[in-house]
Amino acid sequence: QVQLVESVGGWVEPGGSLRLSCAASGFTFSNHSMTWLRRVPGKGLQWVGYLRSNGGRTTYEDTVDGRFTISRDNAKNMLYLQMSGLKTRDTAKYYCAKDPDGCAGYVCYLLLLAEEKEGNFGSWGQGTQVTVSS
């Protein structure tokens, strides 16, 4: 059974930094790409970024590219999201997700959206709230 547990988020001032982690279990973590998503009230589920299984390729949504960094430690079954230069618009509930097999990058996000619409959250963490405000 897939389990993904995000670390506690928190509150940070604009311009600040925060690192989220995601502990994975119940599957062979090193074999799967992973995606970070976020849910903004009134705006639905947004893609944050993607990381290949071996950590060799990342892609990011345009508004976070250059500010956010996704990384992983396959030996520890951990996924990370380092966020810097945070803006109020980054306020959201952040989720890590195990990607469906065979996808890459933005396509994984589209497939995860489909899972959400089907009520299938088996490959998702419970989410963690990040609030950026002064």
C-alpha atoms as a PDB file:
ATOM      1  CA  GLN A   1       0.000   0.000   0.000  1.00  0.00           C
ATOM      2  CA  VAL A   2       1.416   3.318  -1.111  1.00  0.00           C
ATOM      3  CA  GLN A   3       1.990   5.749   1.722  1.00  0.00           C
ATOM      4  CA  LEU A   4       3.257   9.267   1.284  1.00  0.00           C
ATOM      5  CA  VAL A   5       3.594  11.548   4.281  1.00  0.00           C
ATOM      6  CA  GLU A   6       4.477  15.193   3.867  1.00  0.00           C
ATOM      7  CA  SER A   7       6.252  17.110   6.570  1.00  0.00           C
ATOM      8  CA  VAL A   8       4.466  19.855   8.430  1.00  0.00           C
ATOM      9  CA  GLY A   9       4.371  23.065   6.409  1.00  0.00           C
ATOM     10  CA  GLY A  10       3.892  26.354   8.131  1.00  0.00           C
ATOM     11  CA  TRP A  11       3.831  30.076   7.864  1.00  0.00           C
ATOM     12  CA  VAL A  12       6.573  32.113   6.241  1.00  0.00           C
ATOM     13  CA  GLU A  13       6.975  35.746   5.315  1.00  0.00           C
ATOM     14  CA  PRO A  14       7.210  36.781   1.678  1.00  0.00           C
ATOM     15  CA  GLY A  15      10.722  36.286   0.413  1.00  0.00           C
ATOM     16  CA  GLY A  16      11.369  33.519   2.890  1.00  0.00           C
ATOM     17  CA  SER A  17      12.249  29.884   2.385  1.00  0.00           C
ATOM     18  CA  LEU A  18      10.801  26.582   3.445  1.00  0.00           C
ATOM     19  CA  ARG A  19      11.643  22.957   2.730  1.00  0.00           C
ATOM     20  CA  LEU A  20       8.977  20.293   2.563  1.00  0.00           C
ATOM     21  CA  SER A  21       9.750  16.613   2.687  1.00  0.00           C
ATOM     22  CA  CYS A  22       7.739  13.578   1.717  1.00  0.00           C
ATOM     23  CA  ALA A  23       8.405  10.154   3.220  1.00  0.00           C
ATOM     24  CA  ALA A  24       7.488   7.312   0.894  1.00  0.00           C
ATOM     25  CA  SER A  25       6.724   3.678   1.695  1.00  0.00           C
ATOM     26  CA  GLY A  26       4.788   0.757   0.311  1.00  0.00           C
ATOM     27  CA  PHE A  27       6.406   0.802  -3.113  1.00  0.00           C
ATOM     28  CA  THR A  28       9.853   0.783  -4.674  1.00  0.00           C
ATOM     29  CA  PHE A  29      10.496   4.508  -4.439  1.00  0.00           C
ATOM     30  CA  SER A  30      13.597   4.491  -6.619  1.00  0.00           C
ATOM     31  CA  ASN A  31      11.599   3.093  -9.550  1.00  0.00           C
ATOM     32  CA  HIS A  32       9.091   5.916  -9.722  1.00  0.00           C
ATOM     33  CA  SER A  33       9.082   9.515 -10.760  1.00  0.00           C
ATOM     34  CA  MET A  34       7.381  11.875  -8.344  1.00  0.00           C
ATOM     35  CA  THR A  35       5.377  15.058  -8.622  1.00  0.00           C
ATOM     36  CA  TRP A  36       4.623  17.934  -6.274  1.00  0.00           C
ATOM     37  CA  LEU A  37       1.248  19.600  -6.625  1.00  0.00           C
ATOM     38  CA  ARG A  38      -0.571  22.296  -4.728  1.00  0.00           C
ATOM     39  CA  ARG A  39      -4.171  23.223  -4.164  1.00  0.00           C
ATOM     40  CA  VAL A  40      -5.017  26.878  -4.048  1.00  0.00           C
ATOM     41  CA  PRO A  41      -8.521  27.746  -2.833  1.00  0.00           C
ATOM     42  CA  GLY A  42     -10.650  28.779  -5.754  1.00  0.00           C
ATOM     43  CA  LYS A  43      -8.007  27.782  -8.299  1.00  0.00           C
ATOM     44  CA  GLY A  44      -7.980  24.027  -8.077  1.00  0.00           C
ATOM     45  CA  LEU A  45      -5.024  21.717  -8.250  1.00  0.00           C
ATOM     46  CA  GLN A  46      -1.843  23.155  -9.705  1.00  0.00           C
ATOM     47  CA  TRP A  47       1.308  21.447 -10.918  1.00  0.00           C
ATOM     48  CA  VAL A  48       4.476  22.447  -9.099  1.00  0.00           C
ATOM     49  CA  GLY A  49       7.062  20.149 -10.604  1.00  0.00           C
ATOM     50  CA  TYR A  50       8.306  16.702 -11.491  1.00  0.00           C
ATOM     51  CA  LEU A  51      11.383  14.654 -10.738  1.00  0.00           C
ATOM     52  CA  ARG A  52      12.505  11.558 -12.569  1.00  0.00           C
ATOM     53  CA  SER A  53      13.054   8.369 -10.610  1.00  0.00           C
ATOM     54  CA  ASN A  54      16.837   8.652 -10.663  1.00  0.00           C
ATOM     55  CA  GLY A  55      16.738  12.367  -9.923  1.00  0.00           C
ATOM     56  CA  GLY A  56      18.245  13.100 -13.295  1.00  0.00           C
ATOM     57  CA  ARG A  57      15.538  15.345 -14.707  1.00  0.00           C
ATOM     58  CA  THR A  58      13.263  17.948 -13.182  1.00  0.00           C
ATOM     59  CA  THR A  59      10.653  20.163 -14.751  1.00  0.00           C
ATOM     60  CA  TYR A  60       8.778  22.973 -13.049  1.00  0.00           C
ATOM     61  CA  GLU A  61       5.728  25.091 -13.510  1.00  0.00           C
ATOM     62  CA  ASP A  62       6.790  28.455 -14.896  1.00  0.00           C
ATOM     63  CA  THR A  63       5.900  30.566 -11.865  1.00  0.00           C
ATOM     64  CA  VAL A  64       8.045  28.463  -9.515  1.00  0.00           C
ATOM     65  CA  ASP A  65      10.925  27.705 -11.862  1.00  0.00           C
ATOM     66  CA  GLY A  66      14.090  29.222 -10.450  1.00  0.00           C
ATOM     67  CA  ARG A  67      12.609  29.527  -6.965  1.00  0.00           C
ATOM     68  CA  PHE A  68      11.674  25.934  -6.143  1.00  0.00           C
ATOM     69  CA  THR A  69      13.900  22.860  -6.292  1.00  0.00           C
ATOM     70  CA  ILE A  70      12.736  19.262  -6.166  1.00  0.00           C
ATOM     71  CA  SER A  71      15.175  16.601  -5.050  1.00  0.00           C
ATOM     72  CA  ARG A  72      15.137  13.091  -3.700  1.00  0.00           C
ATOM     73  CA  ASP A  73      17.151  10.648  -1.666  1.00  0.00           C
ATOM     74  CA  ASN A  74      16.370   7.189  -2.962  1.00  0.00           C
ATOM     75  CA  ALA A  75      18.373   5.541  -0.196  1.00  0.00           C
ATOM     76  CA  LYS A  76      16.055   7.112   2.376  1.00  0.00           C
ATOM     77  CA  ASN A  77      12.851   7.007   0.305  1.00  0.00           C
ATOM     78  CA  MET A  78      12.502  10.747   0.657  1.00  0.00           C
ATOM     79  CA  LEU A  79      11.327  13.469  -1.700  1.00  0.00           C
ATOM     80  CA  TYR A  80      11.964  17.144  -1.045  1.00  0.00           C
ATOM     81  CA  LEU A  81      10.657  20.502  -2.177  1.00  0.00           C
ATOM     82  CA  GLN A  82      12.928  23.429  -1.386  1.00  0.00           C
ATOM     83  CA  MET A  83      11.040  26.688  -1.779  1.00  0.00           C
ATOM     84  CA  SER A  84      12.791  30.041  -1.840  1.00  0.00           C
ATOM     85  CA  GLY A  85      11.678  33.564  -2.642  1.00  0.00           C
ATOM     86  CA  LEU A  86       8.209  32.656  -1.495  1.00  0.00           C
ATOM     87  CA  LYS A  87       5.344  34.850  -2.589  1.00  0.00           C
ATOM     88  CA  THR A  88       1.849  35.227  -1.201  1.00  0.00           C
ATOM     89  CA  ARG A  89       0.533  33.462  -4.291  1.00  0.00           C
ATOM     90  CA  ASP A  90       2.470  30.349  -3.214  1.00  0.00           C
ATOM     91  CA  THR A  91       0.048  29.940  -0.316  1.00  0.00           C
ATOM     92  CA  ALA A  92      -1.513  26.532  -0.850  1.00  0.00           C
ATOM     93  CA  LYS A  93      -1.799  23.007   0.404  1.00  0.00           C
ATOM     94  CA  TYR A  94       1.100  21.056  -1.048  1.00  0.00           C
ATOM     95  CA  TYR A  95       0.965  17.385  -1.991  1.00  0.00           C
ATOM     96  CA  CYS A  96       3.544  14.869  -3.096  1.00  0.00           C
ATOM     97  CA  ALA A  97       2.362  12.169  -5.450  1.00  0.00           C
ATOM     98  CA  LYS A  98       3.694   8.969  -6.924  1.00  0.00           C
ATOM     99  CA  ASP A  99       3.435   9.321 -10.667  1.00  0.00           C
ATOM    100  CA  PRO A 100       1.462   6.888 -12.781  1.00  0.00           C
ATOM    101  CA  ASP A 101       3.677   4.436 -14.648  1.00  0.00           C
ATOM    102  CA  GLY A 102       5.074   5.527 -17.980  1.00  0.00           C
ATOM    103  CA  CYS A 103       4.550   9.267 -17.726  1.00  0.00           C
ATOM    104  CA  ALA A 104       6.968  12.137 -17.510  1.00  0.00           C
ATOM    105  CA  GLY A 105       6.771  15.800 -16.642  1.00  0.00           C
ATOM    106  CA  TYR A 106       3.523  17.665 -17.213  1.00  0.00           C
ATOM    107  CA  VAL A 107       1.810  14.520 -18.507  1.00  0.00           C
ATOM    108  CA  CYS A 108       2.102  13.043 -15.023  1.00  0.00           C
ATOM    109  CA  TYR A 109       0.241  16.047 -13.670  1.00  0.00           C
ATOM    110  CA  LEU A 110      -2.570  15.535 -16.188  1.00  0.00           C
ATOM    111  CA  LEU A 111      -2.867  11.885 -15.204  1.00  0.00           C
ATOM    112  CA  LEU A 112      -2.893  12.803 -11.520  1.00  0.00           C
ATOM    113  CA  LEU A 113      -5.669  15.311 -12.253  1.00  0.00           C
ATOM    114  CA  ALA A 114      -7.644  12.481 -13.804  1.00  0.00           C
ATOM    115  CA  GLU A 115      -7.069  10.406 -10.677  1.00  0.00           C
ATOM    116  CA  GLU A 116      -8.367  13.269  -8.573  1.00  0.00           C
ATOM    117  CA  LYS A 117     -11.528  13.538 -10.668  1.00  0.00           C
ATOM    118  CA  GLU A 118     -12.076   9.822 -10.185  1.00  0.00           C
ATOM    119  CA  GLY A 119     -11.665  10.172  -6.449  1.00  0.00           C
ATOM    120  CA  ASN A 120      -8.534   8.054  -6.578  1.00  0.00           C
ATOM    121  CA  PHE A 121      -6.048   9.413  -4.062  1.00  0.00           C
ATOM    122  CA  GLY A 122      -4.116   6.225  -3.484  1.00  0.00           C
ATOM    123  CA  SER A 123      -0.876   7.705  -4.781  1.00  0.00           C
ATOM    124  CA  TRP A 124      -1.070  10.994  -2.908  1.00  0.00           C
ATOM    125  CA  GLY A 125       0.064  12.271   0.448  1.00  0.00           C
ATOM    126  CA  GLN A 126      -2.357  13.935   2.818  1.00  0.00           C
ATOM    127  CA  GLY A 127      -1.044  17.389   1.996  1.00  0.00           C
ATOM    128  CA  THR A 128       0.561  20.093   4.076  1.00  0.00           C
ATOM    129  CA  GLN A 129      -0.416  23.738   4.338  1.00  0.00           C
ATOM    130  CA  VAL A 130       2.040  26.486   3.455  1.00  0.00           C
ATOM    131  CA  THR A 131       0.976  30.056   4.160  1.00  0.00           C
ATOM    132  CA  VAL A 132       2.998  32.990   2.887  1.00  0.00           C
ATOM    133  CA  SER A 133       2.015  36.259   4.446  1.00  0.00           C
ATOM    134  CA  SER A 134       3.377  39.225   6.284  1.00  0.00           C
END
